[in-house]
Protein backbone atom coordinates (compact mmCIF):
# COMPACT_ATOMS: atom_id res chain seq x y z
CA UNK A 1 19.62 -36.28 -49.07
CA UNK A 2 20.25 -36.45 -45.31
CA UNK A 3 17.53 -33.94 -44.46
CA UNK A 4 15.09 -35.62 -46.84
CA UNK A 5 15.75 -38.98 -45.21
CA UNK A 6 15.23 -37.48 -41.74
CA UNK A 7 11.95 -35.86 -42.78
CA UNK A 8 10.69 -39.11 -44.32
CA UNK A 9 11.58 -41.11 -41.20
CA UNK A 10 10.02 -38.51 -38.90
CA UNK A 11 6.82 -38.39 -40.96
CA UNK A 12 6.56 -42.19 -41.20
CA UNK A 13 7.05 -42.58 -37.44
CA UNK A 14 4.42 -39.95 -36.61
CA UNK A 15 2.00 -41.56 -39.05
CA UNK A 16 2.50 -44.97 -37.44
CA UNK A 17 1.98 -43.48 -33.97
CA UNK A 18 -1.22 -41.78 -35.09
CA UNK A 19 -2.51 -45.01 -36.61
CA UNK A 20 -1.79 -46.83 -33.34
CA UNK A 21 -3.59 -44.11 -31.39
CA UNK A 22 -6.72 -44.41 -33.51
CA UNK A 23 -6.68 -48.20 -33.52
CA UNK A 24 -5.76 -49.03 -29.94
CA UNK A 25 -5.83 -46.00 -27.66
CA UNK A 26 -8.52 -43.59 -28.78
CA UNK A 27 -10.96 -45.10 -26.29
CA UNK A 28 -8.40 -46.24 -23.72
CA UNK A 29 -8.19 -44.91 -20.18
CA UNK A 30 -6.75 -41.40 -19.69
CA UNK A 31 -3.75 -42.90 -17.88
CA UNK A 32 -2.80 -45.16 -20.78
CA UNK A 33 -3.22 -42.36 -23.29
CA UNK A 34 -1.09 -40.04 -21.17
CA UNK A 35 1.70 -42.62 -20.90
CA UNK A 36 1.59 -43.22 -24.63
CA UNK A 37 1.90 -39.50 -25.40
CA UNK A 38 4.74 -39.08 -22.90
CA UNK A 39 6.65 -41.79 -24.76
CA UNK A 40 5.70 -40.90 -28.32
CA UNK A 41 5.81 -37.11 -28.53
CA UNK A 42 9.38 -36.54 -27.24
CA UNK A 43 10.80 -39.35 -29.38
CA UNK A 44 8.94 -38.14 -32.49
CA UNK A 45 10.39 -34.67 -31.94
CA UNK A 46 13.94 -35.93 -31.34
CA UNK A 47 14.97 -36.59 -34.96
CA UNK A 48 13.74 -33.24 -36.34
CA UNK A 49 15.33 -31.49 -33.34
CA UNK A 50 18.74 -33.01 -34.14
CA UNK A 51 18.45 -32.01 -37.79
CA UNK A 52 17.28 -28.46 -36.96
CA UNK A 53 20.06 -27.97 -34.43
CA UNK A 54 22.64 -29.10 -36.94
CA UNK A 55 21.19 -26.75 -39.54
CA UNK A 56 21.23 -23.74 -37.20
CA UNK A 57 24.66 -24.31 -35.69
CA UNK A 58 27.45 -22.23 -37.18
CA UNK A 59 29.70 -25.26 -37.46
CA UNK A 60 29.68 -29.05 -37.23
CA UNK A 61 31.67 -29.17 -34.03
CA UNK A 62 33.14 -32.47 -32.89
CA UNK A 63 31.07 -32.26 -29.68
CA UNK A 64 27.81 -31.74 -31.56
CA UNK A 65 28.51 -34.60 -33.96
CA UNK A 66 29.25 -36.90 -31.03
CA UNK A 67 26.03 -35.94 -29.24
CA UNK A 68 23.98 -36.15 -32.45
CA UNK A 69 25.26 -39.67 -33.03
CA UNK A 70 24.14 -40.80 -29.59
CA UNK A 71 20.80 -38.99 -29.79
CA UNK A 72 20.12 -40.77 -33.07
CA UNK A 73 20.80 -44.04 -31.26
CA UNK A 74 18.34 -43.01 -28.51
CA UNK A 75 15.76 -42.27 -31.19
CA UNK A 76 16.27 -45.74 -32.65
CA UNK A 77 15.97 -47.24 -29.17
CA UNK A 78 12.65 -45.46 -28.55
CA UNK A 79 11.11 -45.83 -32.00
CA UNK A 80 12.16 -49.09 -33.65
CA UNK A 81 10.78 -51.43 -30.94
CA UNK A 82 7.36 -49.83 -31.05
CA UNK A 83 7.28 -49.90 -34.88
CA UNK A 84 7.90 -53.65 -34.64
CA UNK A 85 5.03 -53.91 -32.15
CA UNK A 86 2.71 -51.89 -34.42
CA UNK A 87 3.38 -54.21 -37.36
CA UNK A 88 2.85 -57.42 -35.43
CA UNK A 89 -0.15 -56.05 -33.53
CA UNK A 90 -1.74 -55.22 -36.91
CA UNK A 91 -1.25 -58.92 -37.73
CA UNK A 92 -2.95 -59.78 -34.42
CA UNK A 93 0.30 -60.90 -32.80
CA UNK A 94 0.74 -58.31 -30.04
CA UNK A 95 2.65 -60.63 -27.72
CA UNK A 96 5.03 -61.56 -30.52
CA UNK A 97 5.39 -57.81 -31.08
CA UNK A 98 6.43 -57.33 -27.45
CA UNK A 99 9.08 -60.04 -27.82
CA UNK A 100 10.30 -58.51 -31.09
CA UNK A 101 10.49 -55.07 -29.49
CA UNK A 102 12.49 -56.42 -26.57
CA UNK A 103 14.81 -58.18 -29.00
CA UNK A 104 15.42 -54.95 -30.91
CA UNK A 105 16.27 -53.13 -27.67
CA UNK A 106 18.75 -55.88 -26.78
CA UNK A 107 20.38 -55.72 -30.22
CA UNK A 108 20.72 -51.94 -30.12
CA UNK A 109 22.29 -52.01 -26.65
CA UNK A 110 24.61 -54.86 -27.65
CA UNK A 111 25.62 -53.08 -30.85
CA UNK A 112 26.48 -49.91 -28.92
CA UNK A 113 28.58 -51.77 -26.36
CA UNK A 114 30.23 -55.04 -27.36
CA UNK A 115 29.49 -54.72 -31.08
CA UNK A 116 31.04 -51.27 -31.23
CA UNK A 117 34.34 -52.29 -29.67
CA UNK A 118 34.86 -55.99 -30.45
CA UNK A 119 37.75 -56.03 -32.94
CA UNK A 120 38.03 -58.94 -35.35
CA UNK A 121 41.00 -59.86 -37.50
CA UNK A 122 40.16 -61.09 -41.00
CA UNK A 123 42.90 -63.14 -42.68
CA UNK A 124 43.10 -63.74 -46.41
CA UNK A 125 45.76 -64.82 -48.91
CA UNK A 126 46.15 -63.22 -52.33
CA UNK A 127 48.03 -65.26 -54.92
CA UNK A 128 49.52 -63.89 -58.14
CA UNK A 129 52.15 -65.06 -60.64
CA UNK A 130 53.09 -61.39 -61.06
CA UNK A 131 54.27 -61.07 -57.47
CA UNK A 132 58.09 -60.96 -57.24
CA UNK A 133 59.61 -63.91 -55.34
CA UNK A 134 61.12 -61.64 -52.69
CA UNK A 135 57.61 -60.49 -51.70
CA UNK A 136 56.23 -64.01 -51.34
CA UNK A 137 54.71 -64.17 -47.85
CA UNK A 138 54.46 -60.38 -47.48
CA UNK A 139 52.12 -59.57 -44.59
CA UNK A 140 49.97 -56.47 -45.13
CA UNK A 141 47.72 -55.08 -42.41
CA UNK A 142 44.89 -52.89 -43.63
CA UNK A 143 43.12 -50.42 -41.33
CA UNK A 144 40.37 -48.01 -42.29
CA UNK A 145 37.76 -45.51 -41.08
CA UNK A 146 38.76 -44.83 -37.48
CA UNK A 147 36.74 -41.57 -37.32
CA UNK A 148 38.61 -40.20 -34.31
CA UNK A 149 36.06 -37.51 -33.51
CA UNK A 150 33.30 -40.02 -32.74
CA UNK A 151 35.25 -42.48 -30.58
CA UNK A 152 33.67 -42.82 -27.15
CA UNK A 153 36.84 -43.88 -25.33
CA UNK A 154 39.62 -42.90 -27.74
CA UNK A 155 42.58 -44.01 -25.63
CA UNK A 156 41.17 -47.45 -24.90
CA UNK A 157 39.98 -48.05 -28.46
CA UNK A 158 43.21 -46.87 -30.09
CA UNK A 159 45.29 -48.95 -27.66
CA UNK A 160 43.28 -51.99 -28.69
CA UNK A 161 43.85 -51.29 -32.39
CA UNK A 162 47.59 -50.69 -32.07
CA UNK A 163 48.15 -53.73 -29.86
CA UNK A 164 46.16 -55.96 -32.23
CA UNK A 165 48.08 -54.75 -35.28
CA UNK A 166 51.46 -55.14 -33.57
CA UNK A 167 50.62 -58.73 -32.63
CA UNK A 168 50.17 -59.56 -36.33
CA UNK A 169 53.82 -58.65 -37.14
CA UNK A 170 53.01 -56.87 -40.44
CA UNK A 171 55.62 -56.08 -43.06
CA UNK A 172 53.49 -53.21 -44.35
CA UNK A 173 50.58 -51.22 -42.89
CA UNK A 174 48.05 -49.42 -45.11
CA UNK A 175 45.34 -47.09 -43.81
CA UNK A 176 42.58 -46.46 -46.35
CA UNK A 177 41.06 -43.19 -45.21
CA UNK A 178 38.79 -41.35 -42.77
CA UNK A 179 41.18 -41.01 -39.87
CA UNK A 180 39.30 -37.97 -38.54
CA UNK A 181 35.58 -37.28 -38.66
CA UNK A 182 35.30 -33.53 -39.22
CA UNK A 183 38.54 -31.64 -38.61
CA UNK A 184 42.28 -31.94 -37.95
CA UNK A 185 42.05 -31.15 -34.22
CA UNK A 186 40.55 -34.61 -33.65
CA UNK A 187 44.00 -36.02 -34.43
CA UNK A 188 45.31 -34.60 -31.15
CA UNK A 189 48.53 -35.30 -29.27
CA UNK A 190 47.06 -38.34 -27.52
CA UNK A 191 45.87 -39.92 -30.77
CA UNK A 192 49.17 -39.11 -32.48
CA UNK A 193 51.14 -40.71 -29.67
CA UNK A 194 49.09 -43.91 -29.79
CA UNK A 195 48.81 -44.26 -33.58
CA UNK A 196 52.47 -43.36 -33.91
CA UNK A 197 53.12 -46.69 -32.22
CA UNK A 198 52.19 -48.48 -35.44
CA UNK A 199 55.38 -49.76 -37.05
CA UNK A 200 56.25 -52.01 -40.00
CA UNK A 201 59.56 -52.75 -41.79
CA UNK A 202 58.29 -51.41 -45.13
CA UNK A 203 56.45 -48.51 -43.52
CA UNK A 204 53.01 -47.19 -42.64
CA UNK A 205 51.14 -45.54 -45.53
CA UNK A 206 47.75 -43.88 -45.75
CA UNK A 207 45.34 -42.24 -48.17
CA UNK A 208 42.78 -39.51 -47.54
CA UNK A 209 39.06 -40.20 -47.23
CA UNK A 210 36.09 -37.88 -47.58
CA UNK A 211 36.11 -37.08 -43.84
CA UNK A 212 39.82 -36.23 -43.89
CA UNK A 213 39.68 -33.47 -46.50
CA UNK A 214 37.53 -31.02 -44.51
CA UNK A 215 34.37 -31.06 -46.62
CA UNK A 216 32.13 -31.28 -43.52
CA UNK A 217 33.50 -28.12 -41.89
CA UNK A 218 30.77 -25.44 -42.04
CA UNK A 219 32.63 -22.53 -40.48
CA UNK A 220 35.38 -22.23 -43.05
CA UNK A 221 36.31 -18.78 -41.75
CA UNK A 222 37.40 -20.16 -38.37
CA UNK A 223 39.19 -23.04 -40.09
CA UNK A 224 39.49 -23.18 -43.88
CA UNK A 225 39.08 -26.69 -45.27
CA UNK A 226 42.46 -26.52 -46.95
CA UNK A 227 44.12 -25.67 -43.63
CA UNK A 228 42.45 -28.62 -41.88
CA UNK A 229 43.50 -30.96 -44.70
CA UNK A 230 47.11 -29.73 -44.57
CA UNK A 231 47.17 -30.25 -40.81
CA UNK A 232 45.74 -33.79 -41.13
CA UNK A 233 48.55 -34.64 -43.54
CA UNK A 234 51.24 -32.94 -41.44
CA UNK A 235 50.16 -34.72 -38.25
CA UNK A 236 50.14 -38.11 -39.96
CA UNK A 237 53.65 -37.50 -41.25
CA UNK A 238 54.71 -36.47 -37.74
CA UNK A 239 53.46 -39.87 -36.55
CA UNK A 240 55.75 -41.58 -39.06
CA UNK A 241 52.98 -42.29 -41.58
CA UNK A 242 53.42 -41.46 -45.26
CA UNK A 243 50.37 -40.01 -46.99
CA UNK A 244 50.05 -41.13 -50.60
CA UNK A 245 48.27 -38.20 -52.24
CA UNK A 246 47.62 -39.28 -55.85
CA UNK A 247 51.09 -40.70 -56.18
CA UNK A 248 53.07 -43.93 -56.39
CA UNK A 249 56.10 -45.14 -54.44
CA UNK A 250 58.22 -48.24 -54.88
CA UNK A 251 58.86 -50.86 -52.23
CA UNK A 252 62.11 -52.80 -52.45
CA UNK A 253 62.79 -56.19 -50.88
CA UNK A 254 65.62 -58.60 -51.61
CA UNK A 255 66.45 -57.02 -54.95
CA UNK A 256 62.83 -57.08 -56.17
CA UNK A 257 60.34 -54.22 -56.19
CA UNK A 258 56.64 -53.50 -56.51
CA UNK A 259 54.63 -50.30 -56.83
CA UNK A 260 52.36 -48.89 -54.15
CA UNK A 261 49.86 -46.24 -55.27
CA UNK A 262 47.52 -44.03 -53.28
CA UNK A 263 44.44 -42.16 -54.52
CA UNK A 264 43.10 -39.26 -52.44
CA UNK A 265 39.41 -38.48 -52.08
CA UNK A 266 38.44 -35.66 -54.43
CA UNK A 267 36.34 -33.04 -52.54
CA UNK A 268 34.36 -32.51 -55.74
CA UNK A 269 32.86 -35.98 -55.16
CA UNK A 270 31.27 -35.04 -51.84
CA UNK A 271 27.71 -35.46 -53.16
CA UNK A 272 28.63 -38.48 -55.29
CA UNK A 273 30.54 -40.46 -52.67
CA UNK A 274 27.78 -43.10 -52.46
CA UNK A 275 27.15 -43.33 -56.21
CA UNK A 276 27.70 -46.68 -57.88
CA UNK A 277 29.79 -45.10 -60.65
CA UNK A 278 32.07 -42.09 -60.39
CA UNK A 279 33.63 -39.61 -62.84
CA UNK A 280 37.12 -40.45 -64.10
CA UNK A 281 39.77 -40.23 -61.39
CA UNK A 282 43.20 -38.63 -62.08
CA UNK A 283 44.82 -42.00 -62.66
CA UNK A 284 47.20 -40.59 -65.26
CA UNK A 285 48.78 -38.63 -62.39
CA UNK A 286 48.67 -41.51 -59.90
CA UNK A 287 50.32 -44.02 -62.26
CA UNK A 288 52.55 -41.64 -64.21
CA UNK A 289 55.64 -43.51 -65.45
CA UNK A 290 54.73 -46.58 -63.35
CA UNK A 291 55.80 -49.70 -65.29
CA UNK A 292 52.71 -51.89 -65.86
CA UNK A 293 54.99 -54.92 -65.54
CA UNK A 294 55.39 -54.30 -61.80
CA UNK A 295 52.99 -55.85 -59.32
CA UNK A 296 50.87 -52.96 -58.07
CA UNK A 297 49.03 -52.36 -54.80
CA UNK A 298 46.60 -49.44 -54.84
CA UNK A 299 45.05 -47.87 -51.74
CA UNK A 300 41.90 -45.82 -52.37
CA UNK A 301 39.14 -44.82 -49.99
CA UNK A 302 36.24 -45.26 -52.43
CA UNK A 303 35.78 -48.85 -53.68
CA UNK A 304 33.73 -47.57 -56.63
CA UNK A 305 37.00 -46.60 -58.34
CA UNK A 306 38.14 -50.24 -58.60
CA UNK A 307 36.84 -50.66 -62.16
CA UNK A 308 38.76 -47.59 -63.31
CA UNK A 309 41.94 -48.83 -61.63
CA UNK A 310 41.68 -52.25 -63.30
CA UNK A 311 40.89 -50.74 -66.69
CA UNK A 312 44.04 -48.61 -66.37
CA UNK A 313 46.05 -51.84 -66.03
CA UNK A 314 46.96 -51.53 -62.34
CA UNK A 315 45.62 -52.65 -58.99
CA UNK A 316 46.73 -56.26 -58.78
CA UNK A 317 45.56 -55.68 -55.21
CA UNK A 318 43.26 -52.75 -54.39
CA UNK A 319 42.42 -51.87 -50.79
CA UNK A 320 39.44 -49.67 -49.89
CA UNK A 321 37.23 -48.64 -46.98
CA UNK A 322 34.45 -46.04 -46.80
CA UNK A 323 31.36 -48.26 -46.68
CA UNK A 324 31.56 -49.73 -43.12
CA UNK A 325 28.89 -52.15 -44.46
CA UNK A 326 26.72 -49.35 -43.01
CA UNK A 327 27.71 -50.85 -39.63
CA UNK A 328 24.99 -53.48 -39.99
CA UNK A 329 25.45 -56.90 -41.54
CA UNK A 330 23.42 -60.09 -41.33
CA UNK A 331 25.24 -63.40 -41.72
CA UNK A 332 22.93 -66.13 -42.98
CA UNK A 333 23.58 -69.47 -44.72
CA UNK A 334 27.18 -68.57 -45.46
CA UNK A 335 26.28 -65.23 -47.04
CA UNK A 336 26.20 -61.66 -45.77
CA UNK A 337 23.49 -59.08 -46.25
CA UNK A 338 23.51 -55.36 -45.53
CA UNK A 339 21.63 -52.16 -46.42
CA UNK A 340 24.90 -51.18 -48.12
CA UNK A 341 23.97 -53.51 -50.99
CA UNK A 342 21.28 -51.02 -52.01
CA UNK A 343 23.95 -48.41 -52.84
CA UNK A 344 27.16 -50.28 -53.62
CA UNK A 345 28.02 -53.06 -56.05
CA UNK A 346 31.07 -54.00 -53.93
CA UNK A 347 30.48 -53.19 -50.28
CA UNK A 348 32.46 -55.46 -47.91
CA UNK A 349 35.23 -58.03 -47.93
CA UNK A 350 37.02 -59.63 -50.85
CA UNK A 351 36.19 -59.46 -54.57
CA UNK A 352 38.16 -61.09 -57.38
CA UNK A 353 38.11 -60.21 -61.07
CA UNK A 354 40.55 -62.48 -62.85
CA UNK A 355 44.05 -61.54 -61.64
CA UNK A 356 42.76 -58.47 -59.76
CA UNK A 357 41.62 -58.46 -56.14
CA UNK A 358 39.69 -55.82 -54.20
CA UNK A 359 39.38 -55.88 -50.43
CA UNK A 360 36.97 -53.52 -48.66
CA UNK A 361 37.72 -53.19 -44.96
CA UNK A 362 34.68 -52.52 -42.74
CA UNK A 363 36.64 -50.01 -40.66
CA UNK A 364 37.17 -49.82 -36.92
CA UNK A 365 35.26 -46.64 -36.04
CA UNK A 366 31.65 -45.60 -36.40
CA UNK A 367 29.76 -42.64 -37.78
CA UNK A 368 26.08 -41.71 -37.90
CA UNK A 369 25.19 -43.95 -34.98
CA UNK A 370 27.52 -45.41 -32.33
CA UNK A 371 27.04 -49.10 -32.90
CA UNK A 372 27.89 -52.04 -35.10
CA UNK A 373 25.74 -55.11 -35.67
CA UNK A 374 27.36 -57.92 -37.63
CA UNK A 375 29.77 -55.50 -39.35
CA UNK A 376 32.26 -55.73 -36.51
CA UNK A 377 35.32 -53.42 -36.29
CA UNK A 378 37.87 -54.98 -38.62
CA UNK A 379 41.60 -55.33 -39.03
CA UNK A 380 42.58 -57.15 -42.22
CA UNK A 381 45.73 -59.25 -42.55
CA UNK A 382 46.51 -59.95 -46.20
CA UNK A 383 49.34 -62.36 -47.06
CA UNK A 384 50.69 -62.15 -50.60
CA UNK A 385 51.80 -65.34 -52.32
CA UNK A 386 53.62 -66.03 -55.55
CA UNK A 387 51.84 -68.71 -57.54
CA UNK A 388 51.51 -70.10 -61.03
């Protein structure tokens, strides 16, 4: 799918450039034509070059993935403004096209600087008559999708996350997957030291996302996927985090208790991770012997599993990540819009289905391209309330 998308984009861009050449530059001065070719040809070759390099490399190294992410951003910077100009010039609005192109450049630069690093805290209250009285007012901080291997300034960005979470005084911290981007080595001593600073009275818990389980490692001889996964889990536990791998634990407060379940990403779903519906998850293992009468919080990376969780009779509160809102979200007239809506039924923020609530955190990191527009890096503070 990725290579097909790249080929389609590369072909469409080259076709638009050729159409512009025939329409506007075929009879232009040699100097103008030369400048046009110097701009167009390298940028048209950039996307296929990234894809070909990735295909030929023995492994998806962290360094290559970081460079590929930035080169994709450069391609967007060189191509998208001129596509906007082509469209508006075809409508006989070339000056408007220049303004639109300049605006796109400004947005891309802003998204890769301030938009990429500007943390926001989203606060929401979830009310349920099933919540035990002792947990009334419980403060849960949800984090997701840090993608350590793609962080530009890891120490600064992780400091900002940890300080922001600590200032919220959470009772419980839940991380909903994709801590690393490709392999366990991205969770190095520096990252462990900083993330190990996250503390909460009821603990710090996490689940595994698709990037955590090693499915994107190509050179499995140098590092088997299972070995990388085991190291990701071991390093989280060394930080004081508890990884909930298809299991349930019980939290006790003031004589009351609730159940906290975690569902790991199944590597078999690698090609289906963006599908609207997924095969049955091993919920019989996750919720084995868990009393349905207990209020249940479920952490799962993929939000598409929410329906299955609710049908099983659990997930009073389900927390997910994964989508990032594709790192691009438009806020208009009190509503939000994103390309993610083309793939996902539930893609960002809060969803309620009777007594069940799903919250999809937009994540704090970035993958694919190093920017965020509208879908700002997010920390979620959820306060539980007992109500009628």
